[in-house]
Amino acid sequence: MQLIPVSKLPNARTVEIRNSVKGIGPVTVSTIVAELPELGKLNRHEVAKLVGVAPMNNDSGKSTGK
């Protein structure tokens, strides 16, 4: 397998920003960039909904979830 320099990637800026976060390594950065190409196009609330960590109401008709 041949490695491609980060500077040659189409989303190099996103990778550089993610690499700057302490505790996040190259494998995690690669996974985030590969799985979430929407990063940089959505706001934080939309990304939270996309990855399934946003709190959502469990309501249907007249019943409300807890």
N, C-alpha and C. Protein backbone atom coordinates (compact mmCIF):
# COMPACT_ATOMS: atom_id res chain seq x y z
N MET A 1 0.84 -1.17 0.00
CA MET A 1 0.00 0.00 0.00
C MET A 1 0.89 1.24 0.00
N GLN A 2 0.57 2.17 -0.86
CA GLN A 2 1.35 3.40 -0.95
C GLN A 2 0.59 4.52 -0.24
N LEU A 3 1.27 5.23 0.62
CA LEU A 3 0.65 6.34 1.35
C LEU A 3 0.70 7.61 0.52
N ILE A 4 -0.37 8.37 0.58
CA ILE A 4 -0.45 9.63 -0.14
C ILE A 4 -0.23 10.75 0.87
N PRO A 5 0.64 11.71 0.56
CA PRO A 5 0.84 12.83 1.49
C PRO A 5 -0.46 13.60 1.71
N VAL A 6 -0.67 14.04 2.93
CA VAL A 6 -1.89 14.77 3.28
C VAL A 6 -2.09 15.97 2.37
N SER A 7 -1.03 16.65 2.01
CA SER A 7 -1.14 17.85 1.19
C SER A 7 -1.70 17.57 -0.19
N LYS A 8 -1.67 16.31 -0.64
CA LYS A 8 -2.17 15.94 -1.97
C LYS A 8 -3.64 15.54 -1.96
N LEU A 9 -4.22 15.36 -0.77
CA LEU A 9 -5.61 14.95 -0.67
C LEU A 9 -6.54 16.11 -1.00
N PRO A 10 -7.72 15.82 -1.60
CA PRO A 10 -8.66 16.89 -1.92
C PRO A 10 -9.21 17.60 -0.68
N ASN A 11 -9.24 16.91 0.44
CA ASN A 11 -9.74 17.50 1.68
C ASN A 11 -8.59 17.72 2.67
N ALA A 12 -7.47 18.15 2.17
CA ALA A 12 -6.25 18.30 2.98
C ALA A 12 -6.48 19.25 4.16
N ARG A 13 -7.20 20.32 3.97
CA ARG A 13 -7.43 21.29 5.05
C ARG A 13 -8.20 20.63 6.20
N THR A 14 -9.22 19.85 5.88
CA THR A 14 -9.99 19.15 6.91
C THR A 14 -9.10 18.20 7.69
N VAL A 15 -8.25 17.47 6.98
CA VAL A 15 -7.34 16.52 7.63
C VAL A 15 -6.37 17.26 8.54
N GLU A 16 -5.85 18.39 8.09
CA GLU A 16 -4.91 19.17 8.90
C GLU A 16 -5.58 19.66 10.18
N ILE A 17 -6.82 20.12 10.06
CA ILE A 17 -7.54 20.61 11.23
C ILE A 17 -7.79 19.47 12.21
N ARG A 18 -8.22 18.33 11.71
CA ARG A 18 -8.49 17.18 12.58
C ARG A 18 -7.20 16.69 13.24
N ASN A 19 -6.09 16.72 12.53
CA ASN A 19 -4.81 16.29 13.09
C ASN A 19 -4.35 17.21 14.21
N SER A 20 -4.83 18.44 14.22
CA SER A 20 -4.40 19.39 15.24
C SER A 20 -5.09 19.17 16.59
N VAL A 21 -6.11 18.33 16.62
CA VAL A 21 -6.84 18.05 17.86
C VAL A 21 -6.06 17.03 18.68
N LYS A 22 -5.73 17.39 19.90
CA LYS A 22 -4.96 16.51 20.78
C LYS A 22 -5.77 15.25 21.09
N GLY A 23 -5.13 14.09 20.97
CA GLY A 23 -5.78 12.83 21.28
C GLY A 23 -6.43 12.14 20.11
N ILE A 24 -6.46 12.80 18.96
CA ILE A 24 -7.02 12.18 17.76
C ILE A 24 -5.88 11.85 16.82
N GLY A 25 -5.72 10.56 16.53
CA GLY A 25 -4.61 10.10 15.70
C GLY A 25 -4.99 9.98 14.24
N PRO A 26 -4.03 9.56 13.41
CA PRO A 26 -4.25 9.48 11.97
C PRO A 26 -5.34 8.49 11.56
N VAL A 27 -5.51 7.41 12.29
CA VAL A 27 -6.56 6.44 11.94
C VAL A 27 -7.93 7.04 12.19
N THR A 28 -8.09 7.70 13.33
CA THR A 28 -9.37 8.34 13.64
C THR A 28 -9.67 9.45 12.64
N VAL A 29 -8.67 10.25 12.31
CA VAL A 29 -8.85 11.33 11.33
C VAL A 29 -9.27 10.74 9.99
N SER A 30 -8.59 9.70 9.55
CA SER A 30 -8.92 9.07 8.26
C SER A 30 -10.34 8.54 8.26
N THR A 31 -10.75 7.94 9.36
CA THR A 31 -12.11 7.39 9.46
C THR A 31 -13.15 8.51 9.43
N ILE A 32 -12.92 9.56 10.19
CA ILE A 32 -13.86 10.69 10.22
C ILE A 32 -14.00 11.31 8.83
N VAL A 33 -12.89 11.55 8.17
CA VAL A 33 -12.91 12.18 6.85
C VAL A 33 -13.59 11.26 5.83
N ALA A 34 -13.32 9.95 5.92
CA ALA A 34 -13.92 9.01 4.97
C ALA A 34 -15.42 8.84 5.19
N GLU A 35 -15.84 8.78 6.44
CA GLU A 35 -17.24 8.52 6.77
C GLU A 35 -18.12 9.76 6.76
N LEU A 36 -17.53 10.93 6.92
CA LEU A 36 -18.30 12.17 6.99
C LEU A 36 -17.80 13.21 5.99
N PRO A 37 -18.01 12.97 4.70
CA PRO A 37 -17.56 13.96 3.72
C PRO A 37 -18.32 15.28 3.83
N GLU A 38 -19.42 15.27 4.59
CA GLU A 38 -20.21 16.48 4.77
C GLU A 38 -19.56 17.49 5.71
N LEU A 39 -18.53 17.08 6.45
CA LEU A 39 -17.87 18.00 7.38
C LEU A 39 -17.38 19.23 6.63
N GLY A 40 -17.65 20.37 7.20
CA GLY A 40 -17.27 21.62 6.56
C GLY A 40 -18.43 22.22 5.77
N LYS A 41 -19.46 21.40 5.52
CA LYS A 41 -20.62 21.88 4.78
C LYS A 41 -21.85 22.01 5.68
N LEU A 42 -21.82 21.30 6.81
CA LEU A 42 -22.93 21.32 7.75
C LEU A 42 -22.51 22.01 9.04
N ASN A 43 -23.51 22.54 9.76
CA ASN A 43 -23.17 23.12 11.07
C ASN A 43 -23.12 22.01 12.12
N ARG A 44 -22.73 22.35 13.33
CA ARG A 44 -22.52 21.33 14.36
C ARG A 44 -23.80 20.59 14.73
N HIS A 45 -24.94 21.27 14.66
CA HIS A 45 -26.21 20.62 15.00
C HIS A 45 -26.58 19.59 13.94
N GLU A 46 -26.36 19.93 12.68
CA GLU A 46 -26.66 19.00 11.59
C GLU A 46 -25.73 17.79 11.63
N VAL A 47 -24.46 18.00 11.96
CA VAL A 47 -23.51 16.89 12.07
C VAL A 47 -23.92 15.98 13.23
N ALA A 48 -24.34 16.56 14.35
CA ALA A 48 -24.77 15.75 15.50
C ALA A 48 -25.96 14.87 15.13
N LYS A 49 -26.90 15.41 14.37
CA LYS A 49 -28.04 14.61 13.91
C LYS A 49 -27.58 13.52 12.95
N LEU A 50 -26.67 13.86 12.07
CA LEU A 50 -26.18 12.91 11.07
C LEU A 50 -25.51 11.70 11.72
N VAL A 51 -24.70 11.92 12.74
CA VAL A 51 -23.99 10.82 13.38
C VAL A 51 -24.80 10.16 14.50
N GLY A 52 -25.97 10.72 14.82
CA GLY A 52 -26.87 10.08 15.77
C GLY A 52 -26.62 10.39 17.23
N VAL A 53 -26.00 11.51 17.52
CA VAL A 53 -25.75 11.87 18.92
C VAL A 53 -26.60 13.06 19.38
N ALA A 54 -27.45 13.57 18.51
CA ALA A 54 -28.31 14.70 18.89
C ALA A 54 -29.51 14.17 19.67
N PRO A 55 -29.87 14.83 20.77
CA PRO A 55 -31.06 14.39 21.51
C PRO A 55 -32.31 14.67 20.67
N MET A 56 -33.15 13.66 20.55
CA MET A 56 -34.36 13.80 19.75
C MET A 56 -35.57 13.43 20.62
N ASN A 57 -36.67 14.12 20.41
CA ASN A 57 -37.90 13.79 21.12
C ASN A 57 -38.48 12.50 20.56
N ASN A 58 -39.06 11.69 21.43
CA ASN A 58 -39.70 10.45 21.01
C ASN A 58 -41.21 10.65 21.08
N ASP A 59 -41.73 11.56 20.25
CA ASP A 59 -43.14 11.92 20.26
C ASP A 59 -43.85 11.33 19.05
N SER A 60 -45.10 10.97 19.26
CA SER A 60 -45.93 10.47 18.17
C SER A 60 -47.38 10.76 18.51
N GLY A 61 -48.02 11.59 17.73
CA GLY A 61 -49.41 11.93 18.01
C GLY A 61 -49.54 12.64 19.34
N LYS A 62 -50.39 12.09 20.20
CA LYS A 62 -50.62 12.71 21.51
C LYS A 62 -49.64 12.20 22.57
N SER A 63 -48.95 11.10 22.29
CA SER A 63 -48.03 10.56 23.29
C SER A 63 -46.67 11.24 23.19
N THR A 64 -46.04 11.39 24.33
CA THR A 64 -44.70 11.96 24.35
C THR A 64 -43.76 10.99 25.04
N GLY A 65 -42.57 10.86 24.49
CA GLY A 65 -41.58 9.95 25.06
C GLY A 65 -40.82 10.59 26.20
N LYS A 66 -40.09 9.77 26.90
CA LYS A 66 -39.31 10.28 28.02
C LYS A 66 -37.85 10.11 27.73
